[in-house]
C-alpha atoms as a PDB file:
ATOM      1  CA  MET A   1      55.401 -31.441 -26.830  1.00  0.00           C
ATOM      2  CA  SER A   2      54.389 -34.268 -24.985  1.00  0.00           C
ATOM      3  CA  LEU A   3      51.641 -34.145 -22.255  1.00  0.00           C
ATOM      4  CA  ASP A   4      51.494 -35.003 -18.913  1.00  0.00           C
ATOM      5  CA  PRO A   5      48.077 -35.392 -17.450  1.00  0.00           C
ATOM      6  CA  ALA A   6      47.245 -35.253 -14.241  1.00  0.00           C
ATOM      7  CA  PRO A   7      45.255 -38.225 -12.725  1.00  0.00           C
ATOM      8  CA  THR A   8      41.348 -37.867 -11.787  1.00  0.00           C
ATOM      9  CA  SER A   9      41.679 -40.941  -9.765  1.00  0.00           C
ATOM     10  CA  LEU A  10      40.935 -40.768  -5.811  1.00  0.00           C
ATOM     11  CA  THR A  11      42.061 -44.184  -5.267  1.00  0.00           C
ATOM     12  CA  GLY A  12      44.063 -44.191  -1.895  1.00  0.00           C
ATOM     13  CA  LYS A  13      42.470 -40.709  -0.745  1.00  0.00           C
ATOM     14  CA  THR A  14      40.367 -40.514   2.225  1.00  0.00           C
ATOM     15  CA  CYS A  15      37.397 -37.926   1.444  1.00  0.00           C
ATOM     16  CA  ILE A  16      35.232 -36.395   4.240  1.00  0.00           C
ATOM     17  CA  VAL A  17      31.743 -34.847   3.201  1.00  0.00           C
ATOM     18  CA  THR A  18      29.659 -32.852   5.388  1.00  0.00           C
ATOM     19  CA  GLY A  19      25.980 -32.207   4.684  1.00  0.00           C
ATOM     20  CA  ALA A  20      25.847 -35.440   2.957  1.00  0.00           C
ATOM     21  CA  ASN A  21      22.200 -36.144   2.444  1.00  0.00           C
ATOM     22  CA  GLY A  22      21.524 -33.169   0.576  1.00  0.00           C
ATOM     23  CA  GLY A  23      21.557 -33.039  -3.063  1.00  0.00           C
ATOM     24  CA  ILE A  24      25.373 -31.527  -3.626  1.00  0.00           C
ATOM     25  CA  GLY A  25      26.733 -33.367  -0.655  1.00  0.00           C
ATOM     26  CA  THR A  26      25.205 -36.884  -2.012  1.00  0.00           C
ATOM     27  CA  ALA A  27      26.235 -36.271  -5.275  1.00  0.00           C
ATOM     28  CA  THR A  28      29.841 -35.519  -4.377  1.00  0.00           C
ATOM     29  CA  ALA A  29      30.015 -38.205  -1.977  1.00  0.00           C
ATOM     30  CA  GLU A  30      28.899 -40.663  -4.606  1.00  0.00           C
ATOM     31  CA  HIS A  31      31.499 -39.092  -7.446  1.00  0.00           C
ATOM     32  CA  PHE A  32      34.387 -39.380  -5.015  1.00  0.00           C
ATOM     33  CA  ALA A  33      33.572 -43.191  -4.466  1.00  0.00           C
ATOM     34  CA  ALA A  34      33.286 -43.886  -7.921  1.00  0.00           C
ATOM     35  CA  LEU A  35      36.778 -42.534  -8.384  1.00  0.00           C
ATOM     36  CA  GLY A  36      38.144 -45.091  -5.745  1.00  0.00           C
ATOM     37  CA  ALA A  37      38.431 -42.670  -2.608  1.00  0.00           C
ATOM     38  CA  LYS A  38      37.363 -43.852   0.989  1.00  0.00           C
ATOM     39  CA  VAL A  39      34.600 -41.893   1.678  1.00  0.00           C
ATOM     40  CA  LEU A  40      33.361 -40.839   5.126  1.00  0.00           C
ATOM     41  CA  THR A  41      30.086 -38.591   5.415  1.00  0.00           C
ATOM     42  CA  THR A  42      28.106 -36.736   8.085  1.00  0.00           C
ATOM     43  CA  ASP A  43      24.733 -35.307   8.195  1.00  0.00           C
ATOM     44  CA  LEU A  44      22.054 -34.964  10.720  1.00  0.00           C
ATOM     45  CA  GLY A  45      20.624 -38.247   9.648  1.00  0.00           C
ATOM     46  CA  GLU A  46      21.589 -41.385  11.189  1.00  0.00           C
ATOM     47  CA  THR A  47      22.348 -42.991   7.771  1.00  0.00           C
ATOM     48  CA  PHE A  48      23.840 -41.862   4.557  1.00  0.00           C
ATOM     49  CA  ALA A  49      21.071 -41.426   1.740  1.00  0.00           C
ATOM     50  CA  GLY A  50      23.491 -41.745  -1.127  1.00  0.00           C
ATOM     51  CA  ASP A  51      24.317 -44.947  -3.505  1.00  0.00           C
ATOM     52  CA  CYS A  52      27.674 -45.932  -2.468  1.00  0.00           C
ATOM     53  CA  GLU A  53      29.603 -47.073   0.671  1.00  0.00           C
ATOM     54  CA  SER A  54      30.467 -44.856   3.013  1.00  0.00           C
ATOM     55  CA  GLU A  55      31.478 -44.552   7.091  1.00  0.00           C
ATOM     56  CA  HIS A  56      28.693 -42.400   8.066  1.00  0.00           C
ATOM     57  CA  GLN A  57      28.196 -40.359  11.477  1.00  0.00           C
ATOM     58  CA  ALA A  58      25.411 -37.983  12.734  1.00  0.00           C
ATOM     59  CA  PHE A  59      26.368 -34.881  14.280  1.00  0.00           C
ATOM     60  CA  ASP A  60      24.280 -31.823  15.524  1.00  0.00           C
ATOM     61  CA  LEU A  61      26.829 -29.199  14.251  1.00  0.00           C
ATOM     62  CA  LEU A  62      24.815 -26.496  15.887  1.00  0.00           C
ATOM     63  CA  SER A  63      25.547 -27.881  19.384  1.00  0.00           C
ATOM     64  CA  ASP A  64      28.840 -27.372  21.159  1.00  0.00           C
ATOM     65  CA  ASP A  65      29.265 -31.005  21.831  1.00  0.00           C
ATOM     66  CA  GLY A  66      28.243 -32.301  18.596  1.00  0.00           C
ATOM     67  CA  LEU A  67      30.935 -29.930  17.009  1.00  0.00           C
ATOM     68  CA  ALA A  68      33.232 -30.818  19.277  1.00  0.00           C
ATOM     69  CA  GLN A  69      32.719 -34.594  18.402  1.00  0.00           C
ATOM     70  CA  CYS A  70      32.702 -34.002  14.564  1.00  0.00           C
ATOM     71  CA  GLN A  71      36.102 -32.153  15.045  1.00  0.00           C
ATOM     72  CA  GLN A  72      37.527 -34.948  16.820  1.00  0.00           C
ATOM     73  CA  TRP A  73      35.947 -37.527  14.275  1.00  0.00           C
ATOM     74  CA  ILE A  74      37.748 -35.578  11.400  1.00  0.00           C
ATOM     75  CA  SER A  75      40.983 -35.462  13.149  1.00  0.00           C
ATOM     76  CA  ASP A  76      40.948 -39.335  13.541  1.00  0.00           C
ATOM     77  CA  ALA A  77      40.055 -39.840   9.932  1.00  0.00           C
ATOM     78  CA  LYS A  78      43.150 -38.080   8.615  1.00  0.00           C
ATOM     79  CA  PRO A  79      41.304 -36.913   5.550  1.00  0.00           C
ATOM     80  CA  ASP A  80      43.166 -36.276   2.268  1.00  0.00           C
ATOM     81  CA  VAL A  81      40.058 -34.317   0.996  1.00  0.00           C
ATOM     82  CA  PHE A  82      37.593 -32.315   3.000  1.00  0.00           C
ATOM     83  CA  PHE A  83      34.626 -30.989   1.349  1.00  0.00           C
ATOM     84  CA  ASN A  84      32.811 -28.566   3.816  1.00  0.00           C
ATOM     85  CA  ASN A  85      29.116 -28.626   2.465  1.00  0.00           C
ATOM     86  CA  ALA A  86      26.983 -28.284   5.621  1.00  0.00           C
ATOM     87  CA  ALA A  87      24.691 -25.248   5.496  1.00  0.00           C
ATOM     88  CA  LEU A  88      21.352 -23.606   6.303  1.00  0.00           C
ATOM     89  CA  PHE A  89      18.933 -21.313   4.245  1.00  0.00           C
ATOM     90  CA  ASP A  90      16.802 -18.980   5.596  1.00  0.00           C
ATOM     91  CA  MET A  91      14.924 -15.860   4.193  1.00  0.00           C
ATOM     92  CA  GLY A  92      14.526 -11.983   5.869  1.00  0.00           C
ATOM     93  CA  SER A  93      15.552  -8.610   5.079  1.00  0.00           C
ATOM     94  CA  VAL A  94      17.319  -6.331   7.177  1.00  0.00           C
ATOM     95  CA  LEU A  95      13.710  -5.046   8.398  1.00  0.00           C
ATOM     96  CA  ASP A  96      12.847  -8.461   9.662  1.00  0.00           C
ATOM     97  CA  ALA A  97      15.705 -11.155   9.799  1.00  0.00           C
ATOM     98  CA  ASP A  98      15.992 -11.389  13.758  1.00  0.00           C
ATOM     99  CA  LEU A  99      19.367 -12.518  15.843  1.00  0.00           C
ATOM    100  CA  SER A 100      17.988 -15.688  16.560  1.00  0.00           C
ATOM    101  CA  GLN A 101      17.749 -16.445  12.583  1.00  0.00           C
ATOM    102  CA  TYR A 102      21.394 -14.691  12.410  1.00  0.00           C
ATOM    103  CA  ASP A 103      22.750 -17.211  15.126  1.00  0.00           C
ATOM    104  CA  ARG A 104      21.380 -20.306  13.194  1.00  0.00           C
ATOM    105  CA  LEU A 105      22.807 -19.288  10.064  1.00  0.00           C
ATOM    106  CA  PHE A 106      26.047 -18.092  11.371  1.00  0.00           C
ATOM    107  CA  GLY A 107      26.245 -20.808  13.864  1.00  0.00           C
ATOM    108  CA  LEU A 108      26.073 -23.750  11.040  1.00  0.00           C
ATOM    109  CA  ASN A 109      27.429 -21.857   7.870  1.00  0.00           C
ATOM    110  CA  VAL A 110      30.201 -19.782   9.320  1.00  0.00           C
ATOM    111  CA  ARG A 111      31.176 -20.891  12.756  1.00  0.00           C
ATOM    112  CA  ALA A 112      30.909 -24.689  12.477  1.00  0.00           C
ATOM    113  CA  ALA A 113      32.328 -24.470   8.757  1.00  0.00           C
ATOM    114  CA  TYR A 114      35.348 -22.598   9.990  1.00  0.00           C
ATOM    115  CA  ALA A 115      35.903 -25.113  13.211  1.00  0.00           C
ATOM    116  CA  LEU A 116      35.673 -28.042  10.647  1.00  0.00           C
ATOM    117  CA  MET A 117      37.811 -26.700   7.786  1.00  0.00           C
ATOM    118  CA  GLN A 118      40.161 -25.821  10.728  1.00  0.00           C
ATOM    119  CA  SER A 119      40.491 -29.740  11.860  1.00  0.00           C
ATOM    120  CA  ALA A 120      40.886 -30.915   8.474  1.00  0.00           C
ATOM    121  CA  ALA A 121      43.787 -28.429   8.283  1.00  0.00           C
ATOM    122  CA  GLN A 122      45.205 -29.376  11.670  1.00  0.00           C
ATOM    123  CA  SER A 123      45.285 -33.103  10.671  1.00  0.00           C
ATOM    124  CA  MET A 124      46.694 -32.665   7.362  1.00  0.00           C
ATOM    125  CA  VAL A 125      49.679 -30.520   8.549  1.00  0.00           C
ATOM    126  CA  ALA A 126      50.142 -33.249  11.622  1.00  0.00           C
ATOM    127  CA  CYS A 127      50.173 -36.081   9.161  1.00  0.00           C
ATOM    128  CA  GLU A 128      52.524 -34.084   6.981  1.00  0.00           C
ATOM    129  CA  GLN A 129      50.280 -34.735   3.857  1.00  0.00           C
ATOM    130  CA  ALA A 130      49.375 -32.778   0.836  1.00  0.00           C
ATOM    131  CA  GLY A 131      45.654 -32.115   0.989  1.00  0.00           C
ATOM    132  CA  SER A 132      42.808 -30.304  -0.377  1.00  0.00           C
ATOM    133  CA  ILE A 133      39.941 -28.357   1.473  1.00  0.00           C
ATOM    134  CA  ILE A 134      36.776 -27.353  -0.511  1.00  0.00           C
ATOM    135  CA  ASN A 135      34.392 -25.038   1.177  1.00  0.00           C
ATOM    136  CA  LEU A 136      30.842 -24.537  -0.551  1.00  0.00           C
ATOM    137  CA  ALA A 137      30.166 -21.095  -1.057  1.00  0.00           C
ATOM    138  CA  SER A 138      27.232 -19.580  -3.197  1.00  0.00           C
ATOM    139  CA  GLN A 139      26.618 -17.366  -5.677  1.00  0.00           C
ATOM    140  CA  ALA A 140      24.710 -15.249  -2.808  1.00  0.00           C
ATOM    141  CA  GLY A 141      28.139 -14.682  -1.421  1.00  0.00           C
ATOM    142  CA  HIS A 142      29.208 -12.450  -4.310  1.00  0.00           C
ATOM    143  CA  ARG A 143      26.480  -9.986  -3.850  1.00  0.00           C
ATOM    144  CA  GLY A 144      23.525  -9.138  -1.297  1.00  0.00           C
ATOM    145  CA  GLU A 145      20.070 -10.032  -1.856  1.00  0.00           C
ATOM    146  CA  ALA A 146      17.243  -7.972  -0.189  1.00  0.00           C
ATOM    147  CA  LEU A 147      15.822 -11.199   1.165  1.00  0.00           C
ATOM    148  CA  VAL A 148      18.183 -12.991   2.107  1.00  0.00           C
ATOM    149  CA  ALA A 149      20.659 -10.720   4.366  1.00  0.00           C
ATOM    150  CA  HIS A 150      21.773 -13.208   6.887  1.00  0.00           C
ATOM    151  CA  TYR A 151      22.499 -16.338   4.170  1.00  0.00           C
ATOM    152  CA  CYS A 152      24.548 -13.801   1.791  1.00  0.00           C
ATOM    153  CA  ALA A 153      26.587 -12.711   4.682  1.00  0.00           C
ATOM    154  CA  THR A 154      27.461 -16.345   5.685  1.00  0.00           C
ATOM    155  CA  LYS A 155      28.652 -17.430   2.410  1.00  0.00           C
ATOM    156  CA  ALA A 156      30.661 -14.070   1.785  1.00  0.00           C
ATOM    157  CA  ALA A 157      32.433 -15.135   5.079  1.00  0.00           C
ATOM    158  CA  ILE A 158      33.179 -18.416   3.256  1.00  0.00           C
ATOM    159  CA  ILE A 159      34.889 -16.778   0.338  1.00  0.00           C
ATOM    160  CA  SER A 160      36.978 -14.884   2.609  1.00  0.00           C
ATOM    161  CA  TYR A 161      37.858 -17.478   5.020  1.00  0.00           C
ATOM    162  CA  THR A 162      38.927 -19.704   1.727  1.00  0.00           C
ATOM    163  CA  GLN A 163      41.107 -16.893   0.905  1.00  0.00           C
ATOM    164  CA  SER A 164      42.883 -16.784   4.333  1.00  0.00           C
ATOM    165  CA  ALA A 165      42.865 -20.430   4.903  1.00  0.00           C
ATOM    166  CA  ALA A 166      44.513 -20.951   1.317  1.00  0.00           C
ATOM    167  CA  LEU A 167      47.541 -18.481   2.151  1.00  0.00           C
ATOM    168  CA  ALA A 168      48.346 -19.770   5.761  1.00  0.00           C
ATOM    169  CA  LEU A 169      48.268 -23.429   4.363  1.00  0.00           C
ATOM    170  CA  ALA A 170      49.956 -23.096   1.184  1.00  0.00           C
ATOM    171  CA  PRO A 171      53.462 -23.852   2.607  1.00  0.00           C
ATOM    172  CA  TYR A 172      52.107 -27.184   3.631  1.00  0.00           C
ATOM    173  CA  LYS A 173      50.804 -28.071   0.106  1.00  0.00           C
ATOM    174  CA  ILE A 174      47.645 -27.847   1.480  1.00  0.00           C
ATOM    175  CA  ARG A 175      45.176 -26.050  -1.349  1.00  0.00           C
ATOM    176  CA  VAL A 176      41.716 -24.613  -0.095  1.00  0.00           C
ATOM    177  CA  ASN A 177      39.390 -23.415  -2.615  1.00  0.00           C
ATOM    178  CA  ALA A 178      35.536 -23.095  -2.683  1.00  0.00           C
ATOM    179  CA  ILE A 179      32.638 -23.798  -5.196  1.00  0.00           C
ATOM    180  CA  SER A 180      30.234 -21.044  -5.828  1.00  0.00           C
ATOM    181  CA  PRO A 181      27.215 -22.661  -7.188  1.00  0.00           C
ATOM    182  CA  GLY A 182      24.024 -20.880  -8.401  1.00  0.00           C
ATOM    183  CA  VAL A 183      20.684 -22.160  -8.400  1.00  0.00           C
ATOM    184  CA  VAL A 184      20.876 -25.881  -8.089  1.00  0.00           C
ATOM    185  CA  ASP A 185      17.798 -28.495  -8.141  1.00  0.00           C
ATOM    186  CA  THR A 186      18.308 -30.099  -4.808  1.00  0.00           C
ATOM    187  CA  PRO A 187      15.848 -30.928  -2.350  1.00  0.00           C
ATOM    188  CA  MET A 188      16.524 -27.713  -0.250  1.00  0.00           C
ATOM    189  CA  TRP A 189      15.015 -25.929  -3.305  1.00  0.00           C
ATOM    190  CA  LYS A 190      11.453 -26.866  -2.192  1.00  0.00           C
ATOM    191  CA  GLU A 191      12.237 -25.257   0.865  1.00  0.00           C
ATOM    192  CA  VAL A 192      13.164 -22.179  -0.601  1.00  0.00           C
ATOM    193  CA  ASP A 193      10.465 -22.132  -3.036  1.00  0.00           C
ATOM    194  CA  ALA A 194       8.003 -22.364  -0.428  1.00  0.00           C
ATOM    195  CA  LEU A 195       9.782 -19.419   1.389  1.00  0.00           C
ATOM    196  CA  PHE A 196       9.705 -17.257  -1.827  1.00  0.00           C
ATOM    197  CA  ALA A 197       6.001 -18.162  -2.143  1.00  0.00           C
ATOM    198  CA  GLU A 198       5.439 -16.795   1.337  1.00  0.00           C
ATOM    199  CA  PHE A 199       7.470 -13.969   1.286  1.00  0.00           C
ATOM    200  CA  GLU A 200       6.724 -12.882  -2.491  1.00  0.00           C
ATOM    201  CA  GLY A 201       2.896 -13.927  -2.887  1.00  0.00           C
ATOM    202  CA  LYS A 202       4.023 -16.538  -5.613  1.00  0.00           C
ATOM    203  CA  GLU A 203       2.206 -20.058  -6.070  1.00  0.00           C
ATOM    204  CA  ILE A 204       4.450 -23.038  -5.198  1.00  0.00           C
ATOM    205  CA  GLY A 205       6.635 -23.688  -7.751  1.00  0.00           C
ATOM    206  CA  GLN A 206       6.788 -20.319  -9.613  1.00  0.00           C
ATOM    207  CA  LYS A 207       9.926 -19.124  -8.309  1.00  0.00           C
ATOM    208  CA  LYS A 208      11.719 -22.274  -9.088  1.00  0.00           C
ATOM    209  CA  ARG A 209      10.590 -21.995 -13.034  1.00  0.00           C
ATOM    210  CA  GLU A 210      11.475 -18.544 -12.880  1.00  0.00           C
ATOM    211  CA  VAL A 211      14.906 -18.679 -11.512  1.00  0.00           C
ATOM    212  CA  GLY A 212      15.720 -21.579 -13.841  1.00  0.00           C
ATOM    213  CA  GLU A 213      14.597 -19.575 -17.093  1.00  0.00           C
ATOM    214  CA  ALA A 214      16.751 -16.643 -15.681  1.00  0.00           C
ATOM    215  CA  VAL A 215      20.018 -18.530 -15.574  1.00  0.00           C
ATOM    216  CA  PRO A 216      21.941 -17.685 -18.863  1.00  0.00           C
ATOM    217  CA  LEU A 217      22.457 -21.344 -19.688  1.00  0.00           C
ATOM    218  CA  GLY A 218      18.584 -21.787 -19.273  1.00  0.00           C
ATOM    219  CA  TYR A 219      18.294 -24.194 -16.663  1.00  0.00           C
ATOM    220  CA  MET A 220      18.558 -24.684 -12.851  1.00  0.00           C
ATOM    221  CA  GLY A 221      21.907 -26.640 -12.112  1.00  0.00           C
ATOM    222  CA  ARG A 222      21.981 -30.164 -11.282  1.00  0.00           C
ATOM    223  CA  PRO A 223      23.978 -31.745  -8.162  1.00  0.00           C
ATOM    224  CA  PHE A 224      26.253 -33.873 -10.249  1.00  0.00           C
ATOM    225  CA  GLU A 225      27.358 -30.537 -12.181  1.00  0.00           C
ATOM    226  CA  ILE A 226      28.782 -29.375  -8.646  1.00  0.00           C
ATOM    227  CA  ALA A 227      30.102 -32.773  -7.860  1.00  0.00           C
ATOM    228  CA  ARG A 228      32.055 -32.697 -11.171  1.00  0.00           C
ATOM    229  CA  VAL A 229      33.914 -29.505  -9.908  1.00  0.00           C
ATOM    230  CA  ALA A 230      34.533 -31.008  -6.661  1.00  0.00           C
ATOM    231  CA  VAL A 231      36.231 -33.839  -8.205  1.00  0.00           C
ATOM    232  CA  PHE A 232      38.342 -31.723 -10.230  1.00  0.00           C
ATOM    233  CA  LEU A 233      39.560 -29.769  -6.572  1.00  0.00           C
ATOM    234  CA  ALA A 234      39.818 -32.910  -4.811  1.00  0.00           C
ATOM    235  CA  SER A 235      42.211 -34.495  -7.778  1.00  0.00           C
ATOM    236  CA  ASP A 236      45.688 -34.013  -8.598  1.00  0.00           C
ATOM    237  CA  GLN A 237      44.062 -32.102 -11.713  1.00  0.00           C
ATOM    238  CA  SER A 238      43.956 -29.092  -9.876  1.00  0.00           C
ATOM    239  CA  GLN A 239      47.414 -29.281  -7.973  1.00  0.00           C
ATOM    240  CA  TYR A 240      48.140 -25.649  -8.961  1.00  0.00           C
ATOM    241  CA  VAL A 241      45.068 -24.107  -7.794  1.00  0.00           C
ATOM    242  CA  THR A 242      44.152 -22.656  -4.487  1.00  0.00           C
ATOM    243  CA  ALA A 243      42.634 -19.480  -3.097  1.00  0.00           C
ATOM    244  CA  GLN A 244      39.854 -19.589  -5.872  1.00  0.00           C
ATOM    245  CA  THR A 245      36.118 -19.428  -5.745  1.00  0.00           C
ATOM    246  CA  LEU A 246      34.701 -21.045  -8.853  1.00  0.00           C
ATOM    247  CA  SER A 247      31.533 -20.209  -9.921  1.00  0.00           C
ATOM    248  CA  VAL A 248      29.302 -22.814 -11.179  1.00  0.00           C
ATOM    249  CA  ASP A 249      26.472 -21.142 -11.665  1.00  0.00           C
ATOM    250  CA  GLY A 250      25.221 -21.363 -15.601  1.00  0.00           C
ATOM    251  CA  GLY A 251      26.419 -17.672 -15.852  1.00  0.00           C
ATOM    252  CA  SER A 252      24.259 -16.516 -13.263  1.00  0.00           C
ATOM    253  CA  VAL A 253      26.743 -14.374 -11.490  1.00  0.00           C
ATOM    254  CA  LEU A 254      26.735 -12.083 -14.546  1.00  0.00           C
ATOM    255  CA  ARG A 255      23.149 -11.147 -13.867  1.00  0.00           C
END
């Protein structure tokens, strides 16, 4: 039997990465570029922090104007691959997580993520091109957590939207999948660690150590380990994969 390996090269593809100045977004943009893609990035910051060439734009996705401008930017770019990564994290239980926190987290993690996914999909359909949309979910989207009520709900919504979009876009040969990281050692985890220190009375750094040790594989994930899965989903290696949420969490989803 002869093998016909699909290429992992992204040469000739236009890839957009949102939330590109965080650990996962930066690593993914760098991996896309290393495999030959034309990379476009966006975040709140005016410049891209990664170590690769990109066309960067800053947008405030929580404002109506910023969101509309980003949607137009996506349409103009005509992406082959869209990595839908921008998100916020905050803590609070159903006893104290108020509606202002709800509005912020759902505003970015769900409302903006949906709108940008829709713009990418509409562009791909209009251009009659197969494509790949990759949403960033989370281990938190698979189960509720007492102190992270709103965030868990936003990521559960992303998993559901991924499935719905995949079914709607399959006739156009557009694949839609999600990546569900567990705990990943990114700059955001400094903020998360500080929040847990406040809510649980822990020392700074203690929660980070604990969650790393609790992962079945024994350590926190690293951004490049998520980026490698994004490359798989962006490339022709995954041409028969759609409507899936891939857990990249060292086995934590089973704990």
